[in-house]
N, C-alpha and C. Protein backbone atom coordinates (compact mmCIF):
# COMPACT_ATOMS: atom_id res chain seq x y z
N MET A 1 -18.55 0.59 -14.64
CA MET A 1 -18.66 -0.62 -13.84
C MET A 1 -19.90 -0.51 -12.96
N PRO A 2 -20.78 -1.47 -13.02
CA PRO A 2 -21.99 -1.42 -12.19
C PRO A 2 -21.64 -1.62 -10.72
N ILE A 3 -22.44 -1.00 -9.88
CA ILE A 3 -22.23 -1.13 -8.44
C ILE A 3 -22.87 -2.42 -7.97
N LYS A 4 -22.07 -3.20 -7.27
CA LYS A 4 -22.59 -4.43 -6.69
C LYS A 4 -22.44 -4.31 -5.19
N LYS A 5 -23.55 -4.35 -4.50
CA LYS A 5 -23.54 -4.22 -3.04
C LYS A 5 -24.38 -5.35 -2.50
N GLU A 6 -23.80 -6.12 -1.61
CA GLU A 6 -24.57 -7.18 -0.99
C GLU A 6 -24.25 -7.21 0.50
N ARG A 7 -25.27 -7.48 1.27
CA ARG A 7 -25.10 -7.57 2.72
C ARG A 7 -24.64 -8.98 3.03
N ILE A 8 -23.48 -9.10 3.66
CA ILE A 8 -22.91 -10.40 3.99
C ILE A 8 -23.37 -10.85 5.37
N GLN A 9 -23.26 -9.95 6.34
CA GLN A 9 -23.74 -10.21 7.69
C GLN A 9 -24.59 -9.01 8.08
N SER A 10 -24.90 -8.89 9.35
CA SER A 10 -25.81 -7.83 9.77
C SER A 10 -25.35 -6.45 9.31
N ASP A 11 -24.11 -6.08 9.54
CA ASP A 11 -23.61 -4.77 9.10
C ASP A 11 -22.35 -4.90 8.25
N VAL A 12 -22.23 -5.99 7.51
CA VAL A 12 -21.08 -6.21 6.65
C VAL A 12 -21.57 -6.23 5.21
N TYR A 13 -20.96 -5.38 4.38
CA TYR A 13 -21.35 -5.27 2.99
C TYR A 13 -20.17 -5.62 2.09
N SER A 14 -20.48 -6.16 0.93
CA SER A 14 -19.49 -6.34 -0.13
C SER A 14 -19.85 -5.34 -1.22
N ILE A 15 -18.92 -4.46 -1.54
CA ILE A 15 -19.18 -3.41 -2.52
C ILE A 15 -18.12 -3.49 -3.60
N ASP A 16 -18.53 -3.62 -4.86
CA ASP A 16 -17.60 -3.63 -5.98
C ASP A 16 -17.48 -2.22 -6.54
N GLY A 17 -16.27 -1.80 -6.80
CA GLY A 17 -16.02 -0.50 -7.41
C GLY A 17 -15.58 0.53 -6.40
N LEU A 18 -14.49 1.23 -6.70
CA LEU A 18 -13.92 2.20 -5.78
C LEU A 18 -14.83 3.40 -5.55
N LYS A 19 -15.44 3.92 -6.62
CA LYS A 19 -16.34 5.06 -6.45
C LYS A 19 -17.52 4.67 -5.56
N ALA A 20 -18.04 3.47 -5.80
CA ALA A 20 -19.15 2.99 -4.99
C ALA A 20 -18.73 2.85 -3.54
N LEU A 21 -17.50 2.40 -3.32
CA LEU A 21 -17.00 2.24 -1.96
C LEU A 21 -17.05 3.57 -1.20
N PHE A 22 -16.58 4.64 -1.83
CA PHE A 22 -16.56 5.92 -1.15
C PHE A 22 -17.97 6.48 -0.94
N ARG A 23 -18.84 6.32 -1.92
CA ARG A 23 -20.22 6.78 -1.74
C ARG A 23 -20.90 6.01 -0.62
N GLU A 24 -20.77 4.68 -0.64
CA GLU A 24 -21.41 3.86 0.38
C GLU A 24 -20.81 4.10 1.75
N SER A 25 -19.47 4.28 1.81
CA SER A 25 -18.83 4.54 3.10
C SER A 25 -19.35 5.83 3.72
N ALA A 26 -19.48 6.87 2.89
CA ALA A 26 -20.00 8.14 3.39
C ALA A 26 -21.43 7.97 3.89
N GLY A 27 -22.23 7.23 3.14
CA GLY A 27 -23.62 6.98 3.56
C GLY A 27 -23.67 6.18 4.85
N LEU A 28 -22.85 5.14 4.96
CA LEU A 28 -22.83 4.33 6.18
C LEU A 28 -22.36 5.14 7.39
N LEU A 29 -21.36 6.00 7.17
CA LEU A 29 -20.88 6.84 8.28
C LEU A 29 -21.99 7.77 8.76
N ASN A 30 -22.70 8.38 7.83
CA ASN A 30 -23.79 9.26 8.21
C ASN A 30 -24.90 8.51 8.94
N ASP A 31 -25.25 7.33 8.45
CA ASP A 31 -26.32 6.53 9.04
C ASP A 31 -25.96 6.00 10.43
N ASN A 32 -24.70 5.78 10.68
CA ASN A 32 -24.26 5.13 11.91
C ASN A 32 -23.43 6.04 12.81
N ARG A 33 -23.61 7.32 12.67
CA ARG A 33 -22.81 8.28 13.42
C ARG A 33 -22.91 8.07 14.94
N GLN A 34 -24.08 7.72 15.43
CA GLN A 34 -24.28 7.61 16.87
C GLN A 34 -23.76 6.31 17.45
N ARG A 35 -23.75 5.22 16.70
CA ARG A 35 -23.39 3.93 17.29
C ARG A 35 -22.00 3.43 16.93
N GLY A 36 -21.23 4.21 16.19
CA GLY A 36 -19.87 3.80 15.84
C GLY A 36 -19.88 2.89 14.62
N LEU A 37 -18.76 2.85 13.91
CA LEU A 37 -18.71 2.08 12.68
C LEU A 37 -17.28 1.72 12.37
N ASN A 38 -17.05 0.49 11.99
CA ASN A 38 -15.76 0.04 11.47
C ASN A 38 -15.94 -0.29 10.01
N ILE A 39 -15.03 0.17 9.17
CA ILE A 39 -15.10 -0.12 7.75
C ILE A 39 -13.90 -1.00 7.40
N LEU A 40 -14.17 -2.14 6.82
CA LEU A 40 -13.14 -3.08 6.39
C LEU A 40 -13.13 -3.09 4.88
N VAL A 41 -11.97 -2.80 4.29
CA VAL A 41 -11.84 -2.81 2.84
C VAL A 41 -10.99 -4.01 2.47
N THR A 42 -11.50 -4.84 1.58
CA THR A 42 -10.77 -5.99 1.09
C THR A 42 -10.44 -5.77 -0.38
N VAL A 43 -9.17 -5.88 -0.72
CA VAL A 43 -8.74 -5.71 -2.10
C VAL A 43 -8.92 -7.04 -2.81
N LYS A 44 -9.77 -7.04 -3.85
CA LYS A 44 -10.06 -8.29 -4.56
C LYS A 44 -9.05 -8.58 -5.66
N SER A 45 -8.44 -7.56 -6.22
CA SER A 45 -7.47 -7.77 -7.30
C SER A 45 -6.24 -8.45 -6.74
N LYS A 46 -5.79 -9.50 -7.40
CA LYS A 46 -4.66 -10.24 -6.89
C LYS A 46 -3.33 -9.61 -7.24
N GLU A 47 -3.22 -9.02 -8.40
CA GLU A 47 -1.94 -8.49 -8.85
C GLU A 47 -1.73 -7.06 -8.37
N LYS A 48 -0.46 -6.74 -8.14
CA LYS A 48 -0.14 -5.36 -7.78
C LYS A 48 -0.58 -4.46 -8.93
N SER A 49 -0.76 -3.21 -8.64
CA SER A 49 -1.27 -2.31 -9.68
C SER A 49 -0.15 -1.43 -10.22
N HIS A 50 -0.33 -0.97 -11.43
CA HIS A 50 0.62 -0.05 -12.05
C HIS A 50 0.74 1.23 -11.23
N PRO A 51 -0.36 1.81 -10.74
CA PRO A 51 -0.22 3.01 -9.90
C PRO A 51 0.63 2.78 -8.64
N GLN A 52 0.58 1.57 -8.08
CA GLN A 52 1.42 1.28 -6.91
C GLN A 52 2.90 1.37 -7.29
N LEU A 53 3.26 0.76 -8.41
CA LEU A 53 4.66 0.81 -8.85
C LEU A 53 5.08 2.22 -9.23
N LYS A 54 4.17 2.95 -9.86
CA LYS A 54 4.46 4.34 -10.23
C LYS A 54 4.72 5.18 -8.98
N TYR A 55 3.92 4.99 -7.96
CA TYR A 55 4.11 5.71 -6.69
C TYR A 55 5.43 5.29 -6.02
N LEU A 56 5.71 3.99 -6.01
CA LEU A 56 6.93 3.49 -5.37
C LEU A 56 8.17 4.04 -6.05
N PHE A 57 8.23 3.94 -7.38
CA PHE A 57 9.43 4.36 -8.12
C PHE A 57 9.44 5.85 -8.45
N GLY A 58 8.29 6.50 -8.40
CA GLY A 58 8.23 7.92 -8.75
C GLY A 58 8.20 8.85 -7.56
N VAL A 59 7.82 8.33 -6.38
CA VAL A 59 7.69 9.18 -5.20
C VAL A 59 8.55 8.64 -4.05
N VAL A 60 8.29 7.41 -3.64
CA VAL A 60 8.90 6.87 -2.42
C VAL A 60 10.42 6.73 -2.57
N TYR A 61 10.85 5.95 -3.56
CA TYR A 61 12.28 5.73 -3.73
C TYR A 61 13.06 7.03 -4.00
N PRO A 62 12.56 7.93 -4.88
CA PRO A 62 13.29 9.18 -5.11
C PRO A 62 13.40 10.05 -3.85
N ALA A 63 12.37 10.05 -3.00
CA ALA A 63 12.42 10.83 -1.76
C ALA A 63 13.52 10.29 -0.85
N ILE A 64 13.61 8.97 -0.76
CA ILE A 64 14.65 8.35 0.06
C ILE A 64 16.02 8.61 -0.55
N GLN A 65 16.10 8.55 -1.88
CA GLN A 65 17.37 8.81 -2.57
C GLN A 65 17.85 10.23 -2.27
N ARG A 66 16.96 11.22 -2.34
CA ARG A 66 17.33 12.61 -2.05
C ARG A 66 17.79 12.76 -0.60
N ARG A 67 17.09 12.10 0.32
CA ARG A 67 17.46 12.18 1.74
C ARG A 67 18.83 11.56 1.97
N TRP A 68 19.10 10.41 1.35
CA TRP A 68 20.42 9.79 1.50
C TRP A 68 21.51 10.64 0.86
N GLN A 69 21.19 11.32 -0.24
CA GLN A 69 22.18 12.21 -0.87
C GLN A 69 22.54 13.36 0.05
N GLU A 70 21.57 13.84 0.83
CA GLU A 70 21.85 14.89 1.82
C GLU A 70 22.86 14.40 2.86
N ASP A 71 22.85 13.10 3.13
CA ASP A 71 23.78 12.51 4.10
C ASP A 71 25.08 12.05 3.44
N GLY A 72 25.24 12.33 2.14
CA GLY A 72 26.46 11.96 1.44
C GLY A 72 26.47 10.56 0.85
N ASN A 73 25.32 9.91 0.80
CA ASN A 73 25.22 8.57 0.20
C ASN A 73 24.56 8.69 -1.16
N ASP A 74 25.31 8.35 -2.19
CA ASP A 74 24.80 8.49 -3.55
C ASP A 74 24.37 7.12 -4.07
N HIS A 75 23.18 6.68 -3.69
CA HIS A 75 22.67 5.37 -4.10
C HIS A 75 21.69 5.51 -5.25
N SER A 76 21.75 4.56 -6.17
CA SER A 76 20.83 4.56 -7.30
C SER A 76 19.46 4.04 -6.85
N ILE A 77 18.47 4.28 -7.67
CA ILE A 77 17.13 3.76 -7.41
C ILE A 77 17.17 2.24 -7.39
N ASP A 78 17.96 1.63 -8.27
CA ASP A 78 18.09 0.17 -8.29
C ASP A 78 18.64 -0.35 -6.96
N TYR A 79 19.65 0.35 -6.41
CA TYR A 79 20.20 -0.06 -5.12
C TYR A 79 19.14 0.06 -4.03
N ILE A 80 18.41 1.17 -4.04
CA ILE A 80 17.37 1.41 -3.03
C ILE A 80 16.30 0.32 -3.11
N ASP A 81 15.92 -0.03 -4.34
CA ASP A 81 14.94 -1.09 -4.54
C ASP A 81 15.44 -2.41 -3.95
N LEU A 82 16.67 -2.78 -4.25
CA LEU A 82 17.23 -4.02 -3.70
C LEU A 82 17.34 -3.97 -2.19
N PHE A 83 17.74 -2.83 -1.64
CA PHE A 83 17.87 -2.66 -0.20
C PHE A 83 16.55 -2.95 0.52
N PHE A 84 15.47 -2.36 0.00
CA PHE A 84 14.18 -2.54 0.67
C PHE A 84 13.55 -3.90 0.38
N LYS A 85 13.76 -4.43 -0.82
CA LYS A 85 13.25 -5.78 -1.09
C LYS A 85 13.91 -6.78 -0.13
N ASP A 86 15.20 -6.62 0.09
CA ASP A 86 15.91 -7.51 1.01
C ASP A 86 15.39 -7.36 2.44
N LYS A 87 14.97 -6.18 2.77
CA LYS A 87 14.50 -5.89 4.13
C LYS A 87 13.04 -6.30 4.34
N PHE A 88 12.18 -6.03 3.36
CA PHE A 88 10.74 -6.19 3.58
C PHE A 88 10.00 -7.10 2.60
N LEU A 89 10.59 -7.43 1.49
CA LEU A 89 9.87 -8.22 0.49
C LEU A 89 10.55 -9.58 0.33
N CYS A 90 10.62 -10.28 1.43
CA CYS A 90 11.30 -11.57 1.42
C CYS A 90 10.55 -12.55 2.32
N GLU A 91 10.86 -13.80 2.12
CA GLU A 91 10.31 -14.84 2.98
C GLU A 91 11.37 -15.92 3.11
N TYR A 92 11.19 -16.75 4.11
CA TYR A 92 12.16 -17.83 4.35
C TYR A 92 11.56 -19.15 3.92
N ARG A 93 12.33 -19.88 3.10
CA ARG A 93 11.92 -21.21 2.64
C ARG A 93 13.07 -22.17 2.94
N ASP A 94 12.74 -23.19 3.69
CA ASP A 94 13.75 -24.19 4.07
C ASP A 94 14.97 -23.53 4.70
N GLY A 95 14.74 -22.52 5.54
CA GLY A 95 15.82 -21.86 6.24
C GLY A 95 16.63 -20.88 5.40
N ARG A 96 16.20 -20.64 4.16
CA ARG A 96 16.91 -19.71 3.28
C ARG A 96 16.04 -18.50 3.00
N LYS A 97 16.68 -17.35 2.99
CA LYS A 97 15.98 -16.10 2.70
C LYS A 97 15.79 -15.97 1.19
N CYS A 98 14.55 -15.78 0.76
CA CYS A 98 14.24 -15.62 -0.66
C CYS A 98 13.56 -14.27 -0.86
N ILE A 99 14.13 -13.45 -1.73
CA ILE A 99 13.54 -12.15 -2.06
C ILE A 99 12.46 -12.39 -3.11
N LEU A 100 11.26 -11.88 -2.83
CA LEU A 100 10.14 -12.05 -3.75
C LEU A 100 10.27 -11.10 -4.94
N LEU A 101 9.81 -11.52 -6.06
CA LEU A 101 9.78 -10.65 -7.23
C LEU A 101 8.52 -9.80 -7.16
N LYS A 102 8.66 -8.51 -7.44
CA LYS A 102 7.49 -7.64 -7.38
C LYS A 102 6.41 -8.09 -8.36
N ARG A 103 6.82 -8.67 -9.48
CA ARG A 103 5.82 -9.09 -10.46
C ARG A 103 4.95 -10.24 -9.95
N ASN A 104 5.40 -10.92 -8.89
CA ASN A 104 4.64 -12.03 -8.32
C ASN A 104 3.89 -11.64 -7.05
N THR A 105 3.93 -10.38 -6.68
CA THR A 105 3.27 -9.95 -5.45
C THR A 105 1.81 -9.59 -5.72
N THR A 106 1.01 -9.71 -4.69
CA THR A 106 -0.39 -9.29 -4.79
C THR A 106 -0.48 -7.80 -4.50
N GLN A 107 -1.63 -7.25 -4.79
CA GLN A 107 -1.84 -5.84 -4.51
C GLN A 107 -1.73 -5.56 -3.01
N LEU A 108 -2.23 -6.47 -2.20
CA LEU A 108 -2.15 -6.30 -0.76
C LEU A 108 -0.71 -6.40 -0.27
N GLN A 109 0.06 -7.36 -0.78
CA GLN A 109 1.47 -7.46 -0.41
C GLN A 109 2.22 -6.20 -0.78
N MET A 110 1.94 -5.66 -1.97
CA MET A 110 2.63 -4.45 -2.42
C MET A 110 2.23 -3.26 -1.56
N MET A 111 0.96 -3.18 -1.19
CA MET A 111 0.50 -2.10 -0.32
C MET A 111 1.23 -2.17 1.02
N ASN A 112 1.35 -3.36 1.59
CA ASN A 112 2.05 -3.53 2.87
C ASN A 112 3.53 -3.22 2.73
N TYR A 113 4.13 -3.64 1.63
CA TYR A 113 5.55 -3.37 1.37
C TYR A 113 5.80 -1.86 1.32
N ILE A 114 5.01 -1.15 0.55
CA ILE A 114 5.17 0.31 0.43
C ILE A 114 5.00 0.98 1.79
N GLU A 115 4.03 0.52 2.56
CA GLU A 115 3.82 1.10 3.89
C GLU A 115 5.02 0.83 4.80
N GLN A 116 5.62 -0.35 4.71
CA GLN A 116 6.81 -0.66 5.51
C GLN A 116 7.97 0.24 5.12
N VAL A 117 8.15 0.48 3.83
CA VAL A 117 9.21 1.38 3.36
C VAL A 117 8.97 2.79 3.87
N ARG A 118 7.73 3.26 3.77
CA ARG A 118 7.40 4.61 4.27
C ARG A 118 7.66 4.72 5.77
N GLN A 119 7.26 3.70 6.52
CA GLN A 119 7.46 3.72 7.97
C GLN A 119 8.95 3.67 8.31
N TRP A 120 9.71 2.88 7.60
CA TRP A 120 11.15 2.80 7.82
C TRP A 120 11.79 4.15 7.57
N SER A 121 11.39 4.81 6.49
CA SER A 121 11.97 6.12 6.18
C SER A 121 11.67 7.14 7.27
N LEU A 122 10.50 7.04 7.87
CA LEU A 122 10.16 7.94 8.96
C LEU A 122 10.96 7.61 10.21
N ASP A 123 11.02 6.33 10.57
CA ASP A 123 11.72 5.91 11.78
C ASP A 123 13.22 6.09 11.69
N GLU A 124 13.81 5.73 10.55
CA GLU A 124 15.27 5.71 10.42
C GLU A 124 15.86 7.00 9.85
N LEU A 125 15.12 7.68 8.99
CA LEU A 125 15.64 8.88 8.34
C LEU A 125 14.95 10.16 8.79
N GLY A 126 13.85 10.01 9.54
CA GLY A 126 13.07 11.19 9.90
C GLY A 126 12.39 11.79 8.69
N LEU A 127 12.14 10.98 7.67
CA LEU A 127 11.58 11.44 6.41
C LEU A 127 10.14 10.98 6.30
N TYR A 128 9.21 11.93 6.30
CA TYR A 128 7.80 11.61 6.10
C TYR A 128 7.52 11.65 4.61
N ILE A 129 6.97 10.56 4.09
CA ILE A 129 6.58 10.48 2.69
C ILE A 129 5.05 10.41 2.65
N GLU A 130 4.47 11.34 1.92
CA GLU A 130 3.01 11.38 1.79
C GLU A 130 2.49 10.04 1.29
N PRO A 131 1.36 9.57 1.83
CA PRO A 131 0.78 8.34 1.30
C PRO A 131 0.31 8.54 -0.14
N ALA A 132 0.17 7.44 -0.83
CA ALA A 132 -0.28 7.51 -2.23
C ALA A 132 -1.68 8.13 -2.29
N PRO A 133 -1.91 8.98 -3.26
CA PRO A 133 -3.25 9.55 -3.40
C PRO A 133 -4.23 8.49 -3.85
N ILE A 134 -5.46 8.63 -3.43
CA ILE A 134 -6.52 7.72 -3.85
C ILE A 134 -7.25 8.39 -5.00
N VAL A 135 -7.18 7.79 -6.14
CA VAL A 135 -7.81 8.34 -7.33
C VAL A 135 -9.16 7.66 -7.50
N VAL A 136 -10.21 8.48 -7.56
CA VAL A 136 -11.56 7.94 -7.72
C VAL A 136 -12.06 8.25 -9.11
């Protein structure tokens, strides 16, 4: 994938490609070490990604399942999925609570959902779940 970098405002860049993002971020950090720097990453892909679902069902939910089993609660992954969708992946329409389908969520919505589940597990269960690895 070719690197596309364009300056949008004085110090705002649009960079296509994850590898390019990390290279450019490192360069910008080095160039701006003295004056401070904020990096804003915008996810352009609309659909959730397969790695997000793999992390959710392969790491996050099983960790919570093991923790609940330690407390004597034997819940399936399907139950855990429904529990958290009801808690964090819903919206209200005409005064009614509607649970969103994961297949209709954006990558950003899924990222926020996973972070809410991780934070809940820390706050409510005292369970720290490592964030998803960034694969470059």
